[in-house]
C-alpha cells in the first residue's frame, strides 16, 4: 500500500515539474516576442563602422518613406482597347500596373506599397474587363499632400490620364461608398435594322427612324427596377440573392453621326452594381428583340427561374461612365473639410479625353473591323429558349451569406 502511495506521489511531482517547465517555456516565448516587437535603439555610428569593416554600406535614407500620406480619391480616365482590364494581373498589361509604376516613380507610394497595394489602402470603384474603357473611374489610395499631376501624367501612356485628386475621410473606400454606377454602350444604329434586311449593305448608310428609336427605348425600359438577372451572367442560380440587381434607368440617346459617317446611338444604364457580362447580355437581348430575332417574351422569361440561351454584345462600345457618391457627398461634401466627389472642375478635360481617346477608338474600330456587323450575323444561332447544354449551377447558400465569388463579382463588366 505504501509503495502505491509513494508511486502516486512521484507521479504527481513529475506532473507538477512538467507543468512548471511548460509554463516557463511559454513565458520565455512571450518574452522573445515582446523583444522582437519592441523597437530597439540602434547606434548607427557603431553599426556603420562594423558594416564598413565587413564591406557593407547602409542604404541611403529615402525621404519618401517618411512622407505623410492621407486617404485620397483619384479621378481616372482610360481607353482600355489595348489593356487586359483594370485590375492588376502579373505578366499582363493592365491599367493598374501602369498607374502603380507611375506612382512609384513619383514617390506617391513606397516600394512596399508597389508590391502590396493594400498597404496604401488602394481600392477601385469598379473593375473593367478586357478592352473596356472608363470615362470617370474613381480609386481610393493614401497619397502625399503635394502632388504634381502634370508631371505624373507625362509618365503615363496617352490612353490613361489622372484628372483629379480629392482628400477624403479616413474610412473612405471607393467601392464600398459608391452607391451607383453608370455605364454607356455606344453602337451603330444598323444593329437595330430588321433581321429580314441585308445589313451588309446598310452598315454605313442606315438611319434610325423615330419609330424604331422609340421601340429601342421601350425595350430598354423593361429592364428597370429590381429584377433577377441570373440569365445575364455566368455561374449564378436563380435562388442566389446576389442575382437580384436594381436598375435605376436604361435610356438611349438621339442618333448621331461619327466622323466616318456611320450613325451611332449611346445607350446609358444606371444601377447599384452589375455582374460579370450583365450589361453586354442586356444589350445583346435588347438588340435581338428590336431586330425581330426574338420577342419581349424572351426577356420576361429570362427574368424567371428558367435558364435561357441569350446573346452577349461585343465588348467594343462599353464604357464605365460615372461612379456616384451621393450619400458620401450629402454627409461629408459640405462639412468644410472635404469636397464633394462630383469632379466638376475637371469635367471639360474629361470630356475632351473621352472624345479623343475613347469614342474615337470605338468609331474607328467599328468602321474598320465592323465588330457589330460580324456579331449580328451570329444572332440566329441562339435559341432564346431553355438551355440544355450544361447543368445549372448549384443552389446558393441559404444562411444569408454571400460566397467570396458572389461578393467579388460586382462591377465586373
Protein backbone atom coordinates (compact mmCIF):
# COMPACT_ATOMS: atom_id res chain seq x y z
CA UNK A 1 0.00 0.00 0.00
CA UNK A 2 2.82 2.37 0.95
CA UNK A 3 4.60 1.59 -2.32
CA UNK A 4 1.50 2.55 -4.30
CA UNK A 5 1.21 5.84 -2.40
CA UNK A 6 4.89 6.63 -2.99
CA UNK A 7 4.48 5.91 -6.68
CA UNK A 8 1.41 8.17 -6.88
CA UNK A 9 3.30 10.97 -5.10
CA UNK A 10 6.21 10.66 -7.51
CA UNK A 11 3.84 10.83 -10.49
CA UNK A 12 2.19 13.97 -9.09
CA UNK A 13 5.58 15.62 -8.58
CA UNK A 14 6.59 14.71 -12.13
CA UNK A 15 3.41 16.22 -13.50
CA UNK A 16 3.96 19.41 -11.48
CA UNK A 17 7.53 19.66 -12.74
CA UNK A 18 6.41 19.13 -16.35
CA UNK A 19 3.70 21.76 -15.97
CA UNK A 20 6.16 24.24 -14.44
CA UNK A 21 8.61 23.61 -17.26
CA UNK A 22 5.87 24.15 -19.84
CA UNK A 23 4.78 27.41 -18.20
CA UNK A 24 8.37 28.65 -18.15
CA UNK A 25 8.74 27.82 -21.85
CA UNK A 26 5.59 29.81 -22.64
CA UNK A 27 6.87 32.78 -20.62
CA UNK A 28 10.20 32.67 -22.44
CA UNK A 29 8.45 32.57 -25.81
CA UNK A 30 6.35 35.59 -24.88
CA UNK A 31 9.47 37.47 -23.73
CA UNK A 32 11.13 36.78 -27.08
CA UNK A 33 8.03 38.01 -28.95
CA UNK A 34 7.92 41.21 -26.90
CA UNK A 35 11.59 41.86 -27.59
CA UNK A 36 11.07 41.34 -31.31
CA UNK A 37 8.15 43.76 -31.37
CA UNK A 38 9.93 46.39 -29.26
CA UNK A 39 11.74 48.98 -31.38
CA UNK A 40 15.38 48.87 -30.39
CA UNK A 41 17.76 51.82 -30.35
CA UNK A 42 20.45 51.47 -32.97
CA UNK A 43 23.84 53.15 -32.60
CA UNK A 44 24.29 53.88 -36.29
CA UNK A 45 27.87 55.15 -35.89
CA UNK A 46 29.00 51.85 -34.36
CA UNK A 47 26.82 49.93 -36.81
CA UNK A 48 28.32 51.75 -39.81
CA UNK A 49 31.88 51.10 -38.57
CA UNK A 50 31.13 47.40 -38.23
CA UNK A 51 29.46 47.29 -41.65
CA UNK A 52 32.36 49.17 -43.27
CA UNK A 53 34.81 46.65 -41.83
CA UNK A 54 32.83 43.86 -43.48
CA UNK A 55 32.37 45.77 -46.77
CA UNK A 56 28.65 46.52 -46.27
CA UNK A 57 27.26 50.01 -46.85
CA UNK A 58 23.99 51.18 -45.32
CA UNK A 59 21.34 52.17 -47.86
CA UNK A 60 20.78 55.94 -48.00
CA UNK A 61 17.72 57.35 -46.27
CA UNK A 62 14.75 57.62 -48.61
CA UNK A 63 12.61 60.68 -47.76
CA UNK A 64 9.65 59.03 -49.49
CA UNK A 65 9.49 56.56 -46.63
CA UNK A 66 8.78 59.41 -44.19
CA UNK A 67 6.27 61.34 -46.28
CA UNK A 68 2.93 61.70 -44.55
CA UNK A 69 0.21 60.20 -46.70
CA UNK A 70 -3.53 60.64 -46.31
CA UNK A 71 -6.53 58.91 -47.82
CA UNK A 72 -7.42 60.41 -51.19
CA UNK A 73 -9.81 59.77 -54.07
CA UNK A 74 -8.44 60.00 -57.61
CA UNK A 75 -10.35 60.54 -60.86
CA UNK A 76 -9.01 58.34 -63.65
CA UNK A 77 -9.92 58.06 -67.34
CA UNK A 78 -8.59 55.45 -69.74
CA UNK A 79 -9.12 53.74 -73.05
CA UNK A 80 -8.98 50.02 -72.38
CA UNK A 81 -8.66 48.89 -76.00
CA UNK A 82 -5.07 47.64 -75.60
CA UNK A 83 -5.28 46.50 -71.99
CA UNK A 84 -6.34 43.31 -70.24
CA UNK A 85 -8.72 45.09 -67.91
CA UNK A 86 -8.35 47.45 -64.99
CA UNK A 87 -7.24 45.07 -62.25
CA UNK A 88 -3.57 44.23 -61.79
CA UNK A 89 -2.64 40.81 -63.17
CA UNK A 90 1.00 39.62 -63.08
CA UNK A 91 2.51 39.36 -66.55
CA UNK A 92 -0.42 41.17 -68.19
CA UNK A 93 -0.71 44.75 -69.44
CA UNK A 94 -3.34 46.36 -67.21
CA UNK A 95 -4.40 49.89 -66.26
CA UNK A 96 -3.41 49.47 -62.62
CA UNK A 97 0.08 48.25 -63.50
CA UNK A 98 0.74 51.45 -65.48
CA UNK A 99 -0.77 53.53 -62.67
CA UNK A 100 1.32 51.92 -59.92
CA UNK A 101 4.56 52.22 -61.90
CA UNK A 102 4.00 55.96 -62.29
CA UNK A 103 3.06 56.33 -58.62
CA UNK A 104 6.25 54.57 -57.54
CA UNK A 105 8.41 56.69 -59.85
CA UNK A 106 6.97 59.90 -58.41
CA UNK A 107 7.22 58.62 -54.81
CA UNK A 108 3.46 58.73 -54.35
CA UNK A 109 3.70 55.20 -52.95
CA UNK A 110 6.59 53.27 -51.40
CA UNK A 111 8.33 50.15 -52.69
CA UNK A 112 6.35 48.05 -50.21
CA UNK A 113 3.08 49.59 -51.39
CA UNK A 114 4.00 48.91 -55.01
CA UNK A 115 4.45 45.21 -54.20
CA UNK A 116 1.33 45.11 -51.99
CA UNK A 117 -1.06 47.93 -52.81
CA UNK A 118 -3.22 47.04 -49.81
CA UNK A 119 -0.57 48.78 -47.70
CA UNK A 120 -1.55 52.05 -49.39
CA UNK A 121 -5.26 51.18 -48.90
CA UNK A 122 -5.84 51.08 -52.67
CA UNK A 123 -9.36 50.27 -53.88
CA UNK A 124 -11.03 50.76 -57.25
CA UNK A 125 -14.71 51.72 -57.50
CA UNK A 126 -15.37 49.25 -60.32
CA UNK A 127 -13.45 46.63 -62.24
CA UNK A 128 -13.49 46.76 -66.01
CA UNK A 129 -12.94 43.76 -68.26
CA UNK A 130 -10.51 43.36 -71.15
CA UNK A 131 -10.94 46.13 -73.74
CA UNK A 132 -13.47 48.09 -71.66
CA UNK A 133 -12.79 51.81 -71.14
CA UNK A 134 -13.62 54.17 -68.29
CA UNK A 135 -14.58 57.83 -68.59
CA UNK A 136 -14.65 58.57 -64.85
CA UNK A 137 -13.14 55.77 -62.78
CA UNK A 138 -12.55 56.53 -59.09
CA UNK A 139 -9.97 54.89 -56.82
CA UNK A 140 -9.08 55.45 -53.17
CA UNK A 141 -5.44 55.37 -52.02
CA UNK A 142 -3.15 57.01 -49.46
CA UNK A 143 -1.16 59.78 -51.18
CA UNK A 144 1.16 62.67 -50.18
CA UNK A 145 -0.29 66.17 -49.91
CA UNK A 146 1.97 67.72 -52.55
CA UNK A 147 1.30 66.21 -55.99
CA UNK A 148 2.33 67.28 -59.49
CA UNK A 149 -0.42 65.94 -61.76
CA UNK A 150 1.13 67.32 -64.94
CA UNK A 151 4.47 65.58 -64.33
CA UNK A 152 2.65 62.43 -63.27
CA UNK A 153 0.54 62.27 -66.45
CA UNK A 154 3.69 62.78 -68.55
CA UNK A 155 4.83 59.35 -67.35
CA UNK A 156 1.53 57.63 -68.19
CA UNK A 157 0.60 56.25 -71.63
CA UNK A 158 -1.60 58.71 -73.55
CA UNK A 159 -4.53 56.28 -73.20
CA UNK A 160 -4.54 56.85 -69.39
CA UNK A 161 -4.98 60.15 -67.58
CA UNK A 162 -5.38 61.15 -63.94
CA UNK A 163 -7.50 64.29 -63.78
CA UNK A 164 -8.10 64.99 -60.12
CA UNK A 165 -7.26 64.17 -56.51
CA UNK A 166 -9.53 64.95 -53.55
CA UNK A 167 -8.86 64.44 -49.84
CA UNK A 168 -11.46 62.08 -48.35
CA UNK A 169 -12.34 60.73 -44.91
CA UNK A 170 -10.03 58.21 -43.27
CA UNK A 171 -12.55 55.39 -43.66
CA UNK A 172 -13.42 56.15 -47.29
CA UNK A 173 -13.45 53.16 -49.66
CA UNK A 174 -14.01 53.84 -53.37
CA UNK A 175 -16.03 50.65 -53.84
CA UNK A 176 -17.98 50.46 -50.57
CA UNK A 177 -19.02 54.14 -50.52
CA UNK A 178 -20.17 54.03 -54.15
CA UNK A 179 -23.98 53.86 -54.26
CA UNK A 180 -24.46 53.59 -58.05
CA UNK A 181 -22.59 53.18 -61.35
CA UNK A 182 -23.47 54.39 -64.82
CA UNK A 183 -22.25 52.62 -67.95
CA UNK A 184 -22.69 53.60 -71.58
CA UNK A 185 -22.76 51.36 -74.63
CA UNK A 186 -22.15 53.09 -77.98
CA UNK A 187 -23.11 51.14 -81.10
CA UNK A 188 -24.00 51.73 -84.77
CA UNK A 189 -27.75 52.10 -85.34
CA UNK A 190 -27.71 49.49 -88.10
CA UNK A 191 -27.65 46.94 -85.23
CA UNK A 192 -31.39 47.65 -84.85
CA UNK A 193 -32.27 47.06 -88.51
CA UNK A 194 -34.83 44.33 -89.15
CA UNK A 195 -33.43 40.78 -89.27
CA UNK A 196 -35.05 40.49 -92.72
CA UNK A 197 -32.86 43.27 -94.15
CA UNK A 198 -29.44 42.67 -95.67
CA UNK A 199 -27.44 44.82 -93.26
CA UNK A 200 -24.11 44.29 -95.05
CA UNK A 201 -25.28 46.95 -97.49
CA UNK A 202 -26.62 49.21 -94.72
CA UNK A 203 -23.62 49.40 -92.36
CA UNK A 204 -22.59 52.91 -93.42
CA UNK A 205 -25.93 54.27 -94.66
CA UNK A 206 -28.57 53.01 -92.21
CA UNK A 207 -30.54 55.69 -90.37
CA UNK A 208 -32.69 55.00 -87.30
CA UNK A 209 -36.30 56.13 -87.69
CA UNK A 210 -38.13 57.85 -84.79
CA UNK A 211 -40.49 54.85 -84.56
CA UNK A 212 -37.62 52.36 -84.28
CA UNK A 213 -35.83 54.55 -81.73
CA UNK A 214 -38.99 54.54 -79.62
CA UNK A 215 -39.08 50.74 -79.80
CA UNK A 216 -35.45 50.65 -78.61
CA UNK A 217 -36.30 52.87 -75.65
CA UNK A 218 -39.39 50.84 -74.75
CA UNK A 219 -37.34 47.63 -74.78
CA UNK A 220 -34.59 49.07 -72.58
CA UNK A 221 -37.17 50.32 -70.08
CA UNK A 222 -38.28 46.72 -69.46
CA UNK A 223 -35.02 46.17 -67.53
CA UNK A 224 -35.69 48.92 -64.99
CA UNK A 225 -36.44 48.03 -61.38
CA UNK A 226 -35.26 45.24 -59.10
CA UNK A 227 -35.13 42.01 -61.07
CA UNK A 228 -33.35 38.66 -61.09
CA UNK A 229 -30.55 38.74 -63.69
CA UNK A 230 -29.15 35.21 -63.25
CA UNK A 231 -29.52 34.65 -67.01
CA UNK A 232 -27.40 37.71 -67.77
CA UNK A 233 -24.21 36.45 -66.16
CA UNK A 234 -22.45 33.10 -65.59
CA UNK A 235 -22.48 30.62 -62.72
CA UNK A 236 -25.44 32.21 -60.98
CA UNK A 237 -28.53 30.43 -59.74
CA UNK A 238 -32.00 31.98 -59.67
CA UNK A 239 -32.11 31.43 -55.90
CA UNK A 240 -28.82 33.23 -55.32
CA UNK A 241 -29.68 36.57 -53.63
CA UNK A 242 -26.81 38.26 -55.47
CA UNK A 243 -28.60 37.65 -58.79
CA UNK A 244 -31.07 40.40 -57.92
CA UNK A 245 -29.93 43.83 -59.10
CA UNK A 246 -31.61 47.24 -59.12
CA UNK A 247 -31.57 49.07 -62.47
CA UNK A 248 -32.43 52.74 -61.92
CA UNK A 249 -32.65 53.75 -65.56
CA UNK A 250 -31.83 52.44 -69.04
CA UNK A 251 -32.11 55.00 -71.87
CA UNK A 252 -30.93 55.77 -75.39
CA UNK A 253 -29.52 58.98 -76.85
CA UNK A 254 -30.66 60.55 -80.09
CA UNK A 255 -28.82 59.19 -83.16
CA UNK A 256 -25.62 60.99 -84.19
CA UNK A 257 -23.00 60.53 -86.91
CA UNK A 258 -19.37 59.60 -86.34
CA UNK A 259 -16.56 61.30 -88.31
CA UNK A 260 -16.65 58.26 -90.61
CA UNK A 261 -20.29 58.99 -91.50
CA UNK A 262 -21.74 55.99 -89.60
CA UNK A 263 -24.80 56.64 -87.43
CA UNK A 264 -24.48 55.70 -83.74
CA UNK A 265 -26.54 55.85 -80.56
CA UNK A 266 -25.33 55.69 -76.97
CA UNK A 267 -27.28 53.55 -74.52
CA UNK A 268 -26.93 54.58 -70.86
CA UNK A 269 -27.70 52.32 -67.90
CA UNK A 270 -27.52 53.29 -64.22
CA UNK A 271 -27.67 50.70 -61.47
CA UNK A 272 -26.42 50.00 -57.98
CA UNK A 273 -23.99 47.35 -59.26
CA UNK A 274 -23.55 44.93 -62.16
CA UNK A 275 -22.41 41.34 -62.55
CA UNK A 276 -19.91 39.89 -65.00
CA UNK A 277 -21.13 40.45 -68.60
CA UNK A 278 -24.55 41.63 -67.36
CA UNK A 279 -24.68 44.84 -69.41
CA UNK A 280 -23.42 43.21 -72.60
CA UNK A 281 -26.09 40.49 -72.32
CA UNK A 282 -28.80 43.05 -71.59
CA UNK A 283 -27.78 44.99 -74.70
CA UNK A 284 -27.48 41.79 -76.74
CA UNK A 285 -31.01 40.65 -75.93
CA UNK A 286 -32.44 44.15 -76.50
CA UNK A 287 -30.88 44.24 -79.98
CA UNK A 288 -32.30 40.79 -80.79
CA UNK A 289 -35.78 41.90 -79.69
CA UNK A 290 -35.76 45.14 -81.69
CA UNK A 291 -34.43 43.32 -84.79
CA UNK A 292 -37.11 40.63 -84.58
CA UNK A 293 -34.82 37.68 -83.80
CA UNK A 294 -36.98 37.13 -80.71
CA UNK A 295 -39.76 38.87 -78.76
CA UNK A 296 -40.14 40.62 -75.41
CA UNK A 297 -41.44 37.29 -74.10
CA UNK A 298 -37.80 36.08 -74.07
CA UNK A 299 -36.86 38.99 -71.81
CA UNK A 300 -39.74 38.24 -69.47
CA UNK A 301 -38.75 34.56 -69.32
CA UNK A 302 -35.08 35.48 -68.78
CA UNK A 303 -36.05 37.18 -65.52
CA UNK A 304 -37.67 33.99 -64.20
CA UNK A 305 -36.01 30.80 -62.95
CA UNK A 306 -35.64 29.36 -66.47
CA UNK A 307 -32.09 29.15 -67.89
CA UNK A 308 -32.16 30.64 -71.37
CA UNK A 309 -29.67 30.87 -74.22
CA UNK A 310 -29.03 34.62 -74.63
CA UNK A 311 -26.54 36.52 -76.85
CA UNK A 312 -23.82 38.79 -75.47
CA UNK A 313 -22.96 42.00 -77.34
CA UNK A 314 -19.31 42.77 -78.21
CA UNK A 315 -17.08 44.48 -75.65
CA UNK A 316 -16.36 47.37 -78.01
CA UNK A 317 -18.62 50.26 -77.07
CA UNK A 318 -18.92 49.53 -73.35
CA UNK A 319 -17.62 52.34 -71.12
CA UNK A 320 -17.75 52.92 -67.36
CA UNK A 321 -19.19 56.42 -67.50
CA UNK A 322 -19.73 57.66 -63.93
CA UNK A 323 -19.28 56.43 -60.36
CA UNK A 324 -21.82 58.00 -57.99
CA UNK A 325 -21.23 59.03 -54.36
CA UNK A 326 -24.45 60.84 -53.46
CA UNK A 327 -24.61 59.53 -49.88
CA UNK A 328 -20.96 60.38 -49.19
CA UNK A 329 -21.41 63.85 -50.73
CA UNK A 330 -24.50 64.54 -48.62
CA UNK A 331 -22.71 63.59 -45.42
CA UNK A 332 -19.20 64.95 -45.94
CA UNK A 333 -19.25 67.13 -49.07
CA UNK A 334 -20.42 70.22 -47.18
CA UNK A 335 -18.51 69.79 -43.90
CA UNK A 336 -15.99 72.50 -44.79
CA UNK A 337 -13.12 69.99 -44.87
CA UNK A 338 -13.91 67.68 -47.79
CA UNK A 339 -15.12 68.47 -51.28
CA UNK A 340 -17.99 66.50 -52.87
CA UNK A 341 -16.81 63.86 -55.32
CA UNK A 342 -18.53 65.39 -58.35
CA UNK A 343 -15.33 66.47 -60.18
CA UNK A 344 -16.99 69.47 -61.79
CA UNK A 345 -13.70 71.36 -62.16
CA UNK A 346 -12.25 68.54 -64.26
CA UNK A 347 -15.31 67.90 -66.47
CA UNK A 348 -14.08 69.85 -69.51
CA UNK A 349 -10.76 67.96 -69.52
CA UNK A 350 -12.52 64.65 -69.06
CA UNK A 351 -14.94 65.29 -71.94
CA UNK A 352 -12.07 66.21 -74.26
CA UNK A 353 -10.24 62.99 -73.32
CA UNK A 354 -13.36 60.86 -73.82
CA UNK A 355 -13.90 62.16 -77.33
CA UNK A 356 -10.22 61.97 -78.29
CA UNK A 357 -9.21 58.61 -76.80
CA UNK A 358 -12.36 56.56 -76.09
CA UNK A 359 -15.15 57.40 -78.53
CA UNK A 360 -12.79 57.97 -81.46
CA UNK A 361 -11.41 54.46 -80.85
CA UNK A 362 -14.93 52.99 -80.88
CA UNK A 363 -15.86 54.82 -84.12
CA UNK A 364 -12.61 53.93 -85.85
CA UNK A 365 -12.61 50.25 -84.84
CA UNK A 366 -16.25 49.75 -85.85
CA UNK A 367 -15.67 51.42 -89.23
CA UNK A 368 -12.59 49.32 -89.97
CA UNK A 369 -13.40 45.96 -88.36
CA UNK A 370 -17.22 46.00 -88.31
CA UNK A 371 -17.40 44.16 -84.98
CA UNK A 372 -21.13 44.74 -84.55
CA UNK A 373 -21.89 43.59 -88.08
CA UNK A 374 -19.99 40.32 -87.54
CA UNK A 375 -21.71 39.73 -84.20
CA UNK A 376 -25.20 40.32 -85.62
CA UNK A 377 -24.50 37.51 -88.04
CA UNK A 378 -24.45 35.12 -85.06
CA UNK A 379 -27.81 36.11 -83.54
CA UNK A 380 -29.79 33.47 -85.42
CA UNK A 381 -27.66 30.73 -83.83
CA UNK A 382 -29.20 31.46 -80.41
CA UNK A 383 -32.42 29.68 -79.46
CA UNK A 384 -33.62 32.26 -76.87
CA UNK A 385 -35.08 29.19 -75.20
CA UNK A 386 -34.21 26.84 -72.35
CA UNK A 387 -30.56 25.83 -72.31
CA UNK A 388 -29.85 22.11 -72.37
CA UNK A 389 -26.11 22.12 -73.00
CA UNK A 390 -24.99 22.46 -69.38
CA UNK A 391 -26.17 21.75 -65.87
CA UNK A 392 -27.50 24.60 -63.75
CA UNK A 393 -25.16 25.99 -61.09
CA UNK A 394 -25.56 24.66 -57.55
CA UNK A 395 -28.11 26.40 -55.33
CA UNK A 396 -26.86 29.32 -53.30
CA UNK A 397 -26.26 29.02 -49.57
CA UNK A 398 -29.37 29.67 -47.53
CA UNK A 399 -27.65 31.12 -44.47
CA UNK A 400 -27.84 34.64 -45.87
CA UNK A 401 -24.11 34.84 -46.51
CA UNK A 402 -22.70 35.50 -49.96
CA UNK A 403 -19.74 33.45 -51.16
CA UNK A 404 -16.47 35.22 -51.92
CA UNK A 405 -17.11 34.78 -55.64
CA UNK A 406 -20.53 36.35 -55.30
CA UNK A 407 -19.16 39.20 -53.21
CA UNK A 408 -16.44 39.97 -55.75
CA UNK A 409 -18.49 39.86 -58.94
CA UNK A 410 -19.88 43.39 -58.63
CA UNK A 411 -18.80 45.84 -61.34
CA UNK A 412 -17.03 43.15 -63.30
CA UNK A 413 -18.03 44.37 -66.74
